[in-house]
Structures are given as structure tokens and as C-alpha cells.
Amino acid sequence: DPVKLGQDEVVLNIEGVKIFATHGHLYSAKTTLNRIYMRGNEENC
């Protein structure tokens, strides 16, 4: 995204369910889910 229209990550609360949303590139999502899982877990999502 050459123009940044949003945030790099966001925590949402929908109906009491916490959701962590990010693109994935900052957490090496192509090679492992551990880092993105740990970040979501850190936010209690």
C-alpha cells in the first residue's frame, strides 16, 4: 500500500469478542503463525 489509509494493526471489540487484525507482513505470516498468534494473545484477543 503506497498510501497508508488505515493502521498497521487494530484491535476490535464486536459483541464482546476481541479481534486482532493486521496484514501479516510485520509478523512473518508467510513462514510462521507463532508471532501473529503471540501478538493477538498479548492483546487478549
All heavy atoms as atom14 arrays in JSON, in Angstrom:
{
  "sequence": "DPVKLGQDEVVLNIEGVKIFATHGHLYSAKTTLNRIYMRGNEENC",
  "atom14_mask": [
    [1, 1, 1, 1, 1, 1, 1, 1, 0, 0, 0, 0, 0, 0],
    [1, 1, 1, 1, 1, 1, 1, 0, 0, 0, 0, 0, 0, 0],
    [1, 1, 1, 1, 1, 1, 1, 0, 0, 0, 0, 0, 0, 0],
    [1, 1, 1, 1, 1, 1, 1, 1, 1, 0, 0, 0, 0, 0],
    [1, 1, 1, 1, 1, 1, 1, 1, 0, 0, 0, 0, 0, 0],
    [1, 1, 1, 1, 0, 0, 0, 0, 0, 0, 0, 0, 0, 0],
    [1, 1, 1, 1, 1, 1, 1, 1, 1, 0, 0, 0, 0, 0],
    [1, 1, 1, 1, 1, 1, 1, 1, 0, 0, 0, 0, 0, 0],
    [1, 1, 1, 1, 1, 1, 1, 1, 1, 0, 0, 0, 0, 0],
    [1, 1, 1, 1, 1, 1, 1, 0, 0, 0, 0, 0, 0, 0],
    [1, 1, 1, 1, 1, 1, 1, 0, 0, 0, 0, 0, 0, 0],
    [1, 1, 1, 1, 1, 1, 1, 1, 0, 0, 0, 0, 0, 0],
    [1, 1, 1, 1, 1, 1, 1, 1, 0, 0, 0, 0, 0, 0],
    [1, 1, 1, 1, 1, 1, 1, 1, 0, 0, 0, 0, 0, 0],
    [1, 1, 1, 1, 1, 1, 1, 1, 1, 0, 0, 0, 0, 0],
    [1, 1, 1, 1, 0, 0, 0, 0, 0, 0, 0, 0, 0, 0],
    [1, 1, 1, 1, 1, 1, 1, 0, 0, 0, 0, 0, 0, 0],
    [1, 1, 1, 1, 1, 1, 1, 1, 1, 0, 0, 0, 0, 0],
    [1, 1, 1, 1, 1, 1, 1, 1, 0, 0, 0, 0, 0, 0],
    [1, 1, 1, 1, 1, 1, 1, 1, 1, 1, 1, 0, 0, 0],
    [1, 1, 1, 1, 1, 0, 0, 0, 0, 0, 0, 0, 0, 0],
    [1, 1, 1, 1, 1, 1, 1, 0, 0, 0, 0, 0, 0, 0],
    [1, 1, 1, 1, 1, 1, 1, 1, 1, 1, 0, 0, 0, 0],
    [1, 1, 1, 1, 0, 0, 0, 0, 0, 0, 0, 0, 0, 0],
    [1, 1, 1, 1, 1, 1, 1, 1, 1, 1, 0, 0, 0, 0],
    [1, 1, 1, 1, 1, 1, 1, 1, 0, 0, 0, 0, 0, 0],
    [1, 1, 1, 1, 1, 1, 1, 1, 1, 1, 1, 1, 0, 0],
    [1, 1, 1, 1, 1, 1, 0, 0, 0, 0, 0, 0, 0, 0],
    [1, 1, 1, 1, 1, 0, 0, 0, 0, 0, 0, 0, 0, 0],
    [1, 1, 1, 1, 1, 1, 1, 1, 1, 0, 0, 0, 0, 0],
    [1, 1, 1, 1, 1, 1, 1, 0, 0, 0, 0, 0, 0, 0],
    [1, 1, 1, 1, 1, 1, 1, 0, 0, 0, 0, 0, 0, 0],
    [1, 1, 1, 1, 1, 1, 1, 1, 0, 0, 0, 0, 0, 0],
    [1, 1, 1, 1, 1, 1, 1, 1, 0, 0, 0, 0, 0, 0],
    [1, 1, 1, 1, 1, 1, 1, 1, 1, 1, 1, 0, 0, 0],
    [1, 1, 1, 1, 1, 1, 1, 1, 0, 0, 0, 0, 0, 0],
    [1, 1, 1, 1, 1, 1, 1, 1, 1, 1, 1, 1, 0, 0],
    [1, 1, 1, 1, 1, 1, 1, 1, 0, 0, 0, 0, 0, 0],
    [1, 1, 1, 1, 1, 1, 1, 1, 1, 1, 1, 0, 0, 0],
    [1, 1, 1, 1, 0, 0, 0, 0, 0, 0, 0, 0, 0, 0],
    [1, 1, 1, 1, 1, 1, 1, 1, 0, 0, 0, 0, 0, 0],
    [1, 1, 1, 1, 1, 1, 1, 1, 1, 0, 0, 0, 0, 0],
    [1, 1, 1, 1, 1, 1, 1, 1, 1, 0, 0, 0, 0, 0],
    [1, 1, 1, 1, 1, 1, 1, 1, 0, 0, 0, 0, 0, 0],
    [1, 1, 1, 1, 1, 1, 0, 0, 0, 0, 0, 0, 0, 0]
  ],
  "atom14_positions": [
    [[0.84, -1.2, 0.0], [0.0, 0.0, 0.0], [0.88, 1.25, 0.0], [1.43, 1.62, 1.04], [-0.92, 0.02, 1.23], [-2.01, -1.03, 1.15], [-2.48, -1.3, 0.04], [-2.4, -1.55, 2.2], [0.0, 0.0, 0.0], [0.0, 0.0, 0.0], [0.0, 0.0, 0.0], [0.0, 0.0, 0.0], [0.0, 0.0, 0.0], [0.0, 0.0, 0.0]],
    [[1.02, 1.91, -1.16], [1.87, 3.11, -1.21], [1.29, 4.25, -0.37], [2.02, 5.05, 0.18], [1.91, 3.46, -2.68], [0.72, 2.81, -3.29], [0.42, 1.61, -2.45], [0.0, 0.0, 0.0], [0.0, 0.0, 0.0], [0.0, 0.0, 0.0], [0.0, 0.0, 0.0], [0.0, 0.0, 0.0], [0.0, 0.0, 0.0], [0.0, 0.0, 0.0]],
    [[-0.03, 4.32, -0.29], [-0.71, 5.31, 0.54], [-1.32, 4.57, 1.72], [-2.09, 3.62, 1.52], [-1.8, 6.06, -0.26], [-2.56, 7.02, 0.63], [-1.2, 6.77, -1.45], [0.0, 0.0, 0.0], [0.0, 0.0, 0.0], [0.0, 0.0, 0.0], [0.0, 0.0, 0.0], [0.0, 0.0, 0.0], [0.0, 0.0, 0.0], [0.0, 0.0, 0.0]],
    [[-0.98, 4.98, 2.92], [-1.47, 4.31, 4.12], [-2.84, 4.89, 4.49], [-2.95, 6.02, 4.93], [-0.48, 4.48, 5.28], [0.94, 4.02, 4.96], [1.0, 2.56, 4.58], [2.41, 2.11, 4.3], [2.5, 0.85, 3.63], [0.0, 0.0, 0.0], [0.0, 0.0, 0.0], [0.0, 0.0, 0.0], [0.0, 0.0, 0.0], [0.0, 0.0, 0.0]],
    [[-3.88, 4.08, 4.27], [-5.25, 4.52, 4.52], [-5.77, 4.1, 5.89], [-6.8, 4.58, 6.34], [-6.18, 3.94, 3.44], [-5.86, 4.32, 2.01], [-6.73, 3.55, 1.03], [-6.02, 5.82, 1.82], [0.0, 0.0, 0.0], [0.0, 0.0, 0.0], [0.0, 0.0, 0.0], [0.0, 0.0, 0.0], [0.0, 0.0, 0.0], [0.0, 0.0, 0.0]],
    [[-5.06, 3.19, 6.54], [-5.51, 2.68, 7.83], [-4.37, 2.64, 8.82], [-3.45, 3.44, 8.77], [0.0, 0.0, 0.0], [0.0, 0.0, 0.0], [0.0, 0.0, 0.0], [0.0, 0.0, 0.0], [0.0, 0.0, 0.0], [0.0, 0.0, 0.0], [0.0, 0.0, 0.0], [0.0, 0.0, 0.0], [0.0, 0.0, 0.0], [0.0, 0.0, 0.0]],
    [[-4.45, 1.66, 9.7], [-3.42, 1.43, 10.7], [-2.69, 0.14, 10.37], [-3.2, -0.7, 9.62], [-4.05, 1.32, 12.08], [-4.85, 2.56, 12.49], [-5.61, 2.31, 13.78], [-5.02, 1.97, 14.79], [-6.92, 2.47, 13.73], [0.0, 0.0, 0.0], [0.0, 0.0, 0.0], [0.0, 0.0, 0.0], [0.0, 0.0, 0.0], [0.0, 0.0, 0.0]],
    [[-1.52, -0.06, 10.96], [-0.79, -1.31, 10.73], [-1.47, -2.49, 11.43], [-1.35, -3.63, 10.98], [0.65, -1.2, 11.18], [1.46, -0.27, 10.28], [1.06, -0.08, 9.11], [2.47, 0.26, 10.75], [0.0, 0.0, 0.0], [0.0, 0.0, 0.0], [0.0, 0.0, 0.0], [0.0, 0.0, 0.0], [0.0, 0.0, 0.0], [0.0, 0.0, 0.0]],
    [[-2.12, -2.21, 12.52], [-2.87, -3.24, 13.23], [-3.98, -2.56, 14.01], [-3.9, -1.38, 14.34], [-1.98, -4.06, 14.15], [-1.21, -3.27, 15.16], [-0.21, -4.09, 15.93], [0.55, -4.87, 15.31], [-0.18, -3.96, 17.16], [0.0, 0.0, 0.0], [0.0, 0.0, 0.0], [0.0, 0.0, 0.0], [0.0, 0.0, 0.0], [0.0, 0.0, 0.0]],
    [[-5.02, -3.32, 14.31], [-6.15, -2.78, 15.05], [-6.73, -3.88, 15.93], [-6.7, -5.05, 15.56], [-7.21, -2.18, 14.08], [-7.82, -3.24, 13.2], [-8.28, -1.42, 14.82], [0.0, 0.0, 0.0], [0.0, 0.0, 0.0], [0.0, 0.0, 0.0], [0.0, 0.0, 0.0], [0.0, 0.0, 0.0], [0.0, 0.0, 0.0], [0.0, 0.0, 0.0]],
    [[-7.22, -3.48, 17.09], [-7.95, -4.4, 17.97], [-9.4, -3.93, 17.99], [-9.69, -2.77, 18.31], [-7.36, -4.43, 19.39], [-8.22, -5.3, 20.3], [-5.93, -4.95, 19.37], [0.0, 0.0, 0.0], [0.0, 0.0, 0.0], [0.0, 0.0, 0.0], [0.0, 0.0, 0.0], [0.0, 0.0, 0.0], [0.0, 0.0, 0.0], [0.0, 0.0, 0.0]],
    [[-10.29, -4.83, 17.61], [-11.73, -4.54, 17.57], [-12.43, -5.31, 18.67], [-11.97, -6.38, 19.08], [-12.32, -4.97, 16.23], [-11.64, -4.47, 14.96], [-12.14, -5.23, 13.76], [-11.9, -2.99, 14.82], [0.0, 0.0, 0.0], [0.0, 0.0, 0.0], [0.0, 0.0, 0.0], [0.0, 0.0, 0.0], [0.0, 0.0, 0.0], [0.0, 0.0, 0.0]],
    [[-13.56, -4.78, 19.1], [-14.41, -5.5, 20.04], [-15.8, -5.53, 19.41], [-16.46, -4.5, 19.31], [-14.44, -4.79, 21.39], [-15.12, -5.64, 22.45], [-16.09, -6.34, 22.18], [-14.62, -5.55, 23.66], [0.0, 0.0, 0.0], [0.0, 0.0, 0.0], [0.0, 0.0, 0.0], [0.0, 0.0, 0.0], [0.0, 0.0, 0.0], [0.0, 0.0, 0.0]],
    [[-16.19, -6.71, 18.95], [-17.5, -6.87, 18.31], [-18.29, -7.86, 19.16], [-17.87, -9.01, 19.33], [-17.37, -7.38, 16.86], [-16.55, -6.41, 16.01], [-18.75, -7.62, 16.25], [-16.27, -6.88, 14.59], [0.0, 0.0, 0.0], [0.0, 0.0, 0.0], [0.0, 0.0, 0.0], [0.0, 0.0, 0.0], [0.0, 0.0, 0.0], [0.0, 0.0, 0.0]],
    [[-19.39, -7.37, 19.71], [-20.26, -8.22, 20.55], [-19.49, -8.85, 21.71], [-19.78, -9.97, 22.11], [-20.91, -9.31, 19.72], [-21.9, -8.83, 18.69], [-23.3, -8.66, 19.24], [-23.92, -9.63, 19.68], [-23.75, -7.5, 19.25], [0.0, 0.0, 0.0], [0.0, 0.0, 0.0], [0.0, 0.0, 0.0], [0.0, 0.0, 0.0], [0.0, 0.0, 0.0]],
    [[-18.48, -8.15, 22.22], [-17.7, -8.68, 23.33], [-16.56, -9.6, 22.93], [-15.82, -10.09, 23.77], [0.0, 0.0, 0.0], [0.0, 0.0, 0.0], [0.0, 0.0, 0.0], [0.0, 0.0, 0.0], [0.0, 0.0, 0.0], [0.0, 0.0, 0.0], [0.0, 0.0, 0.0], [0.0, 0.0, 0.0], [0.0, 0.0, 0.0], [0.0, 0.0, 0.0]],
    [[-16.4, -9.85, 21.63], [-15.31, -10.69, 21.12], [-14.18, -9.77, 20.66], [-14.37, -8.93, 19.79], [-15.78, -11.6, 19.96], [-14.61, -12.36, 19.36], [-16.87, -12.54, 20.43], [0.0, 0.0, 0.0], [0.0, 0.0, 0.0], [0.0, 0.0, 0.0], [0.0, 0.0, 0.0], [0.0, 0.0, 0.0], [0.0, 0.0, 0.0], [0.0, 0.0, 0.0]],
    [[-13.0, -9.93, 21.28], [-11.84, -9.11, 20.88], [-11.17, -9.75, 19.67], [-10.93, -10.96, 19.64], [-10.85, -8.99, 22.03], [-11.31, -7.98, 23.08], [-10.26, -7.75, 24.13], [-9.16, -6.85, 23.61], [-8.16, -6.53, 24.65], [0.0, 0.0, 0.0], [0.0, 0.0, 0.0], [0.0, 0.0, 0.0], [0.0, 0.0, 0.0], [0.0, 0.0, 0.0]],
    [[-10.88, -8.89, 18.68], [-10.32, -9.33, 17.41], [-9.08, -8.5, 17.1], [-9.13, -7.26, 17.12], [-11.35, -9.16, 16.27], [-12.62, -9.95, 16.58], [-10.75, -9.56, 14.93], [-13.79, -9.6, 15.67], [0.0, 0.0, 0.0], [0.0, 0.0, 0.0], [0.0, 0.0, 0.0], [0.0, 0.0, 0.0], [0.0, 0.0, 0.0], [0.0, 0.0, 0.0]],
    [[-7.98, -9.19, 16.81], [-6.75, -8.53, 16.37], [-6.67, -8.65, 14.86], [-6.79, -9.75, 14.31], [-5.53, -9.19, 17.02], [-4.22, -8.67, 16.53], [-3.83, -7.37, 16.83], [-3.37, -9.46, 15.78], [-2.6, -6.88, 16.38], [-2.15, -8.98, 15.33], [-1.76, -7.69, 15.63], [0.0, 0.0, 0.0], [0.0, 0.0, 0.0], [0.0, 0.0, 0.0]],
    [[-6.51, -7.53, 14.16], [-6.44, -7.54, 12.7], [-5.16, -6.83, 12.23], [-4.85, -5.74, 12.69], [-7.67, -6.84, 12.11], [0.0, 0.0, 0.0], [0.0, 0.0, 0.0], [0.0, 0.0, 0.0], [0.0, 0.0, 0.0], [0.0, 0.0, 0.0], [0.0, 0.0, 0.0], [0.0, 0.0, 0.0], [0.0, 0.0, 0.0], [0.0, 0.0, 0.0]],
    [[-4.46, -7.47, 11.31], [-3.23, -6.93, 10.74], [-3.04, -7.56, 9.36], [-3.68, -8.56, 9.04], [-2.02, -7.2, 11.66], [-0.89, -6.46, 11.18], [-1.69, -8.66, 11.75], [0.0, 0.0, 0.0], [0.0, 0.0, 0.0], [0.0, 0.0, 0.0], [0.0, 0.0, 0.0], [0.0, 0.0, 0.0], [0.0, 0.0, 0.0], [0.0, 0.0, 0.0]],
    [[-2.15, -7.01, 8.57], [-1.91, -7.6, 7.25], [-1.13, -8.9, 7.36], [-1.43, -9.87, 6.67], [-1.17, -6.61, 6.34], [-0.94, -7.13, 4.96], [-1.98, -7.46, 4.11], [0.2, -7.4, 4.28], [-1.48, -7.91, 2.97], [-0.15, -7.88, 3.05], [0.0, 0.0, 0.0], [0.0, 0.0, 0.0], [0.0, 0.0, 0.0], [0.0, 0.0, 0.0]],
    [[-0.13, -8.93, 8.21], [0.65, -10.15, 8.41], [2.12, -10.03, 8.08], [2.93, -10.78, 8.61], [0.0, 0.0, 0.0], [0.0, 0.0, 0.0], [0.0, 0.0, 0.0], [0.0, 0.0, 0.0], [0.0, 0.0, 0.0], [0.0, 0.0, 0.0], [0.0, 0.0, 0.0], [0.0, 0.0, 0.0], [0.0, 0.0, 0.0], [0.0, 0.0, 0.0]],
    [[2.47, -9.09, 7.22], [3.88, -8.97, 6.82], [4.79, -8.57, 7.98], [5.95, -8.96, 8.0], [4.03, -7.99, 5.65], [3.67, -6.58, 5.97], [2.38, -6.19, 6.3], [4.43, -5.47, 6.03], [2.36, -4.89, 6.52], [3.6, -4.43, 6.38], [0.0, 0.0, 0.0], [0.0, 0.0, 0.0], [0.0, 0.0, 0.0], [0.0, 0.0, 0.0]],
    [[4.28, -7.84, 8.94], [5.09, -7.42, 10.09], [5.32, -8.57, 11.08], [6.12, -8.43, 12.0], [4.42, -6.24, 10.81], [4.23, -4.98, 9.97], [3.43, -3.94, 10.75], [5.57, -4.42, 9.53], [0.0, 0.0, 0.0], [0.0, 0.0, 0.0], [0.0, 0.0, 0.0], [0.0, 0.0, 0.0], [0.0, 0.0, 0.0], [0.0, 0.0, 0.0]],
    [[4.63, -9.68, 10.87], [4.71, -10.83, 11.76], [5.18, -12.1, 11.05], [5.0, -13.2, 11.55], [3.35, -11.07, 12.43], [2.95, -9.92, 13.31], [2.17, -8.87, 12.82], [3.4, -9.84, 14.62], [1.83, -7.81, 13.62], [3.06, -8.78, 15.43], [2.27, -7.76, 14.93], [1.95, -6.7, 15.73], [0.0, 0.0, 0.0], [0.0, 0.0, 0.0]],
    [[5.76, -11.95, 9.87], [6.29, -13.08, 9.09], [5.25, -14.17, 8.84], [5.55, -15.37, 8.91], [7.52, -13.69, 9.8], [8.49, -12.71, 10.05], [0.0, 0.0, 0.0], [0.0, 0.0, 0.0], [0.0, 0.0, 0.0], [0.0, 0.0, 0.0], [0.0, 0.0, 0.0], [0.0, 0.0, 0.0], [0.0, 0.0, 0.0], [0.0, 0.0, 0.0]],
    [[4.03, -13.76, 8.5], [2.91, -14.7, 8.33], [3.14, -15.72, 7.22], [2.51, -16.77, 7.22], [1.62, -13.94, 8.08], [0.0, 0.0, 0.0], [0.0, 0.0, 0.0], [0.0, 0.0, 0.0], [0.0, 0.0, 0.0], [0.0, 0.0, 0.0], [0.0, 0.0, 0.0], [0.0, 0.0, 0.0], [0.0, 0.0, 0.0], [0.0, 0.0, 0.0]],
    [[4.03, -15.43, 6.28], [4.3, -16.39, 5.21], [5.12, -17.58, 5.69], [5.13, -18.62, 5.05], [5.0, -15.73, 4.03], [4.08, -14.86, 3.2], [4.78, -14.33, 1.96], [3.79, -13.52, 1.13], [4.42, -12.99, -0.09], [0.0, 0.0, 0.0], [0.0, 0.0, 0.0], [0.0, 0.0, 0.0], [0.0, 0.0, 0.0], [0.0, 0.0, 0.0]],
    [[5.79, -17.43, 6.83], [6.66, -18.52, 7.31], [6.21, -19.13, 8.63], [6.51, -20.29, 8.89], [8.13, -18.05, 7.45], [8.16, -16.93, 8.33], [8.7, -17.68, 6.11], [0.0, 0.0, 0.0], [0.0, 0.0, 0.0], [0.0, 0.0, 0.0], [0.0, 0.0, 0.0], [0.0, 0.0, 0.0], [0.0, 0.0, 0.0], [0.0, 0.0, 0.0]],
    [[5.51, -18.35, 9.46], [5.07, -18.87, 10.76], [3.85, -18.09, 11.24], [3.69, -16.92, 10.9], [6.19, -18.78, 11.81], [5.71, -19.32, 13.05], [6.64, -17.34, 12.04], [0.0, 0.0, 0.0], [0.0, 0.0, 0.0], [0.0, 0.0, 0.0], [0.0, 0.0, 0.0], [0.0, 0.0, 0.0], [0.0, 0.0, 0.0], [0.0, 0.0, 0.0]],
    [[3.01, -18.75, 12.01], [1.88, -18.06, 12.63], [2.15, -17.75, 14.1], [1.34, -17.11, 14.76], [0.6, -18.9, 12.5], [0.08, -19.09, 11.08], [-1.18, -19.93, 11.08], [-0.18, -17.75, 10.41], [0.0, 0.0, 0.0], [0.0, 0.0, 0.0], [0.0, 0.0, 0.0], [0.0, 0.0, 0.0], [0.0, 0.0, 0.0], [0.0, 0.0, 0.0]],
    [[3.29, -18.2, 14.61], [3.6, -18.03, 16.04], [3.63, -16.57, 16.45], [3.07, -16.2, 17.49], [4.92, -18.7, 16.4], [4.8, -20.2, 16.41], [3.72, -20.75, 16.63], [5.91, -20.88, 16.17], [0.0, 0.0, 0.0], [0.0, 0.0, 0.0], [0.0, 0.0, 0.0], [0.0, 0.0, 0.0], [0.0, 0.0, 0.0], [0.0, 0.0, 0.0]],
    [[4.28, -15.72, 15.68], [4.41, -14.32, 16.06], [3.07, -13.58, 16.03], [2.76, -12.8, 16.94], [5.41, -13.6, 15.14], [6.85, -14.07, 15.38], [7.85, -13.36, 14.5], [7.82, -11.92, 14.75], [8.1, -11.01, 13.83], [8.46, -11.35, 12.61], [8.05, -9.72, 14.13], [0.0, 0.0, 0.0], [0.0, 0.0, 0.0], [0.0, 0.0, 0.0]],
    [[2.26, -13.87, 15.03], [0.97, -13.19, 14.95], [0.02, -13.72, 16.03], [-0.76, -12.96, 16.61], [0.39, -13.31, 13.52], [-0.65, -12.24, 13.27], [-0.18, -14.68, 13.24], [-1.02, -12.09, 11.82], [0.0, 0.0, 0.0], [0.0, 0.0, 0.0], [0.0, 0.0, 0.0], [0.0, 0.0, 0.0], [0.0, 0.0, 0.0], [0.0, 0.0, 0.0]],
    [[0.12, -15.01, 16.33], [-0.66, -15.59, 17.42], [-0.27, -14.92, 18.74], [-1.13, -14.52, 19.54], [-0.45, -17.1, 17.52], [-0.71, -17.63, 18.91], [-2.0, -17.77, 19.38], [0.35, -17.93, 19.76], [-2.24, -18.21, 20.67], [0.12, -18.37, 21.05], [-1.17, -18.51, 21.51], [-1.41, -18.94, 22.78], [0.0, 0.0, 0.0], [0.0, 0.0, 0.0]],
    [[1.04, -14.81, 19.0], [1.5, -14.22, 20.26], [1.03, -12.78, 20.41], [0.64, -12.36, 21.51], [3.03, -14.31, 20.37], [3.5, -15.73, 20.62], [5.26, -15.89, 21.03], [6.05, -15.2, 19.6], [0.0, 0.0, 0.0], [0.0, 0.0, 0.0], [0.0, 0.0, 0.0], [0.0, 0.0, 0.0], [0.0, 0.0, 0.0], [0.0, 0.0, 0.0]],
    [[1.04, -12.03, 19.3], [0.57, -10.63, 19.37], [-0.92, -10.57, 19.68], [-1.37, -9.78, 20.52], [0.87, -9.92, 18.06], [0.44, -8.47, 18.05], [1.31, -7.63, 18.98], [0.9, -6.24, 18.87], [0.34, -5.56, 19.88], [0.18, -6.11, 21.05], [-0.04, -4.32, 19.69], [0.0, 0.0, 0.0], [0.0, 0.0, 0.0], [0.0, 0.0, 0.0]],
    [[-1.72, -11.4, 19.04], [-3.15, -11.44, 19.33], [-3.42, -11.88, 20.75], [-4.27, -11.33, 21.45], [0.0, 0.0, 0.0], [0.0, 0.0, 0.0], [0.0, 0.0, 0.0], [0.0, 0.0, 0.0], [0.0, 0.0, 0.0], [0.0, 0.0, 0.0], [0.0, 0.0, 0.0], [0.0, 0.0, 0.0], [0.0, 0.0, 0.0], [0.0, 0.0, 0.0]],
    [[-2.69, -12.88, 21.21], [-2.84, -13.38, 22.57], [-2.44, -12.31, 23.59], [-3.08, -12.16, 24.63], [-2.0, -14.65, 22.75], [-2.33, -15.39, 24.02], [-3.49, -15.65, 24.3], [-1.31, -15.72, 24.78], [0.0, 0.0, 0.0], [0.0, 0.0, 0.0], [0.0, 0.0, 0.0], [0.0, 0.0, 0.0], [0.0, 0.0, 0.0], [0.0, 0.0, 0.0]],
    [[-1.39, -11.55, 23.27], [-0.94, -10.45, 24.13], [-2.05, -9.42, 24.32], [-2.18, -8.81, 25.38], [0.28, -9.81, 23.47], [0.88, -8.65, 24.19], [2.07, -8.11, 23.41], [3.12, -8.79, 23.36], [1.95, -7.02, 22.81], [0.0, 0.0, 0.0], [0.0, 0.0, 0.0], [0.0, 0.0, 0.0], [0.0, 0.0, 0.0], [0.0, 0.0, 0.0]],
    [[-2.86, -9.23, 23.29], [-3.98, -8.29, 23.35], [-5.26, -8.94, 23.9], [-6.33, -8.32, 23.89], [-4.27, -7.71, 21.96], [-3.19, -6.81, 21.42], [-3.15, -5.45, 22.11], [-4.13, -5.06, 22.78], [-2.11, -4.78, 22.0], [0.0, 0.0, 0.0], [0.0, 0.0, 0.0], [0.0, 0.0, 0.0], [0.0, 0.0, 0.0], [0.0, 0.0, 0.0]],
    [[-5.14, -10.19, 24.36], [-6.29, -10.96, 24.89], [-7.4, -11.12, 23.85], [-8.58, -11.07, 24.18], [-6.84, -10.31, 26.17], [-5.84, -10.35, 27.28], [-5.25, -11.39, 27.57], [-5.62, -9.2, 27.91], [0.0, 0.0, 0.0], [0.0, 0.0, 0.0], [0.0, 0.0, 0.0], [0.0, 0.0, 0.0], [0.0, 0.0, 0.0], [0.0, 0.0, 0.0]],
    [[-7.01, -11.32, 22.6], [-7.97, -11.49, 21.52], [-8.27, -12.97, 21.3], [-7.38, -13.82, 21.41], [-7.43, -10.88, 20.23], [-7.3, -9.07, 20.33], [0.0, 0.0, 0.0], [0.0, 0.0, 0.0], [0.0, 0.0, 0.0], [0.0, 0.0, 0.0], [0.0, 0.0, 0.0], [0.0, 0.0, 0.0], [0.0, 0.0, 0.0], [0.0, 0.0, 0.0]]
  ]
}
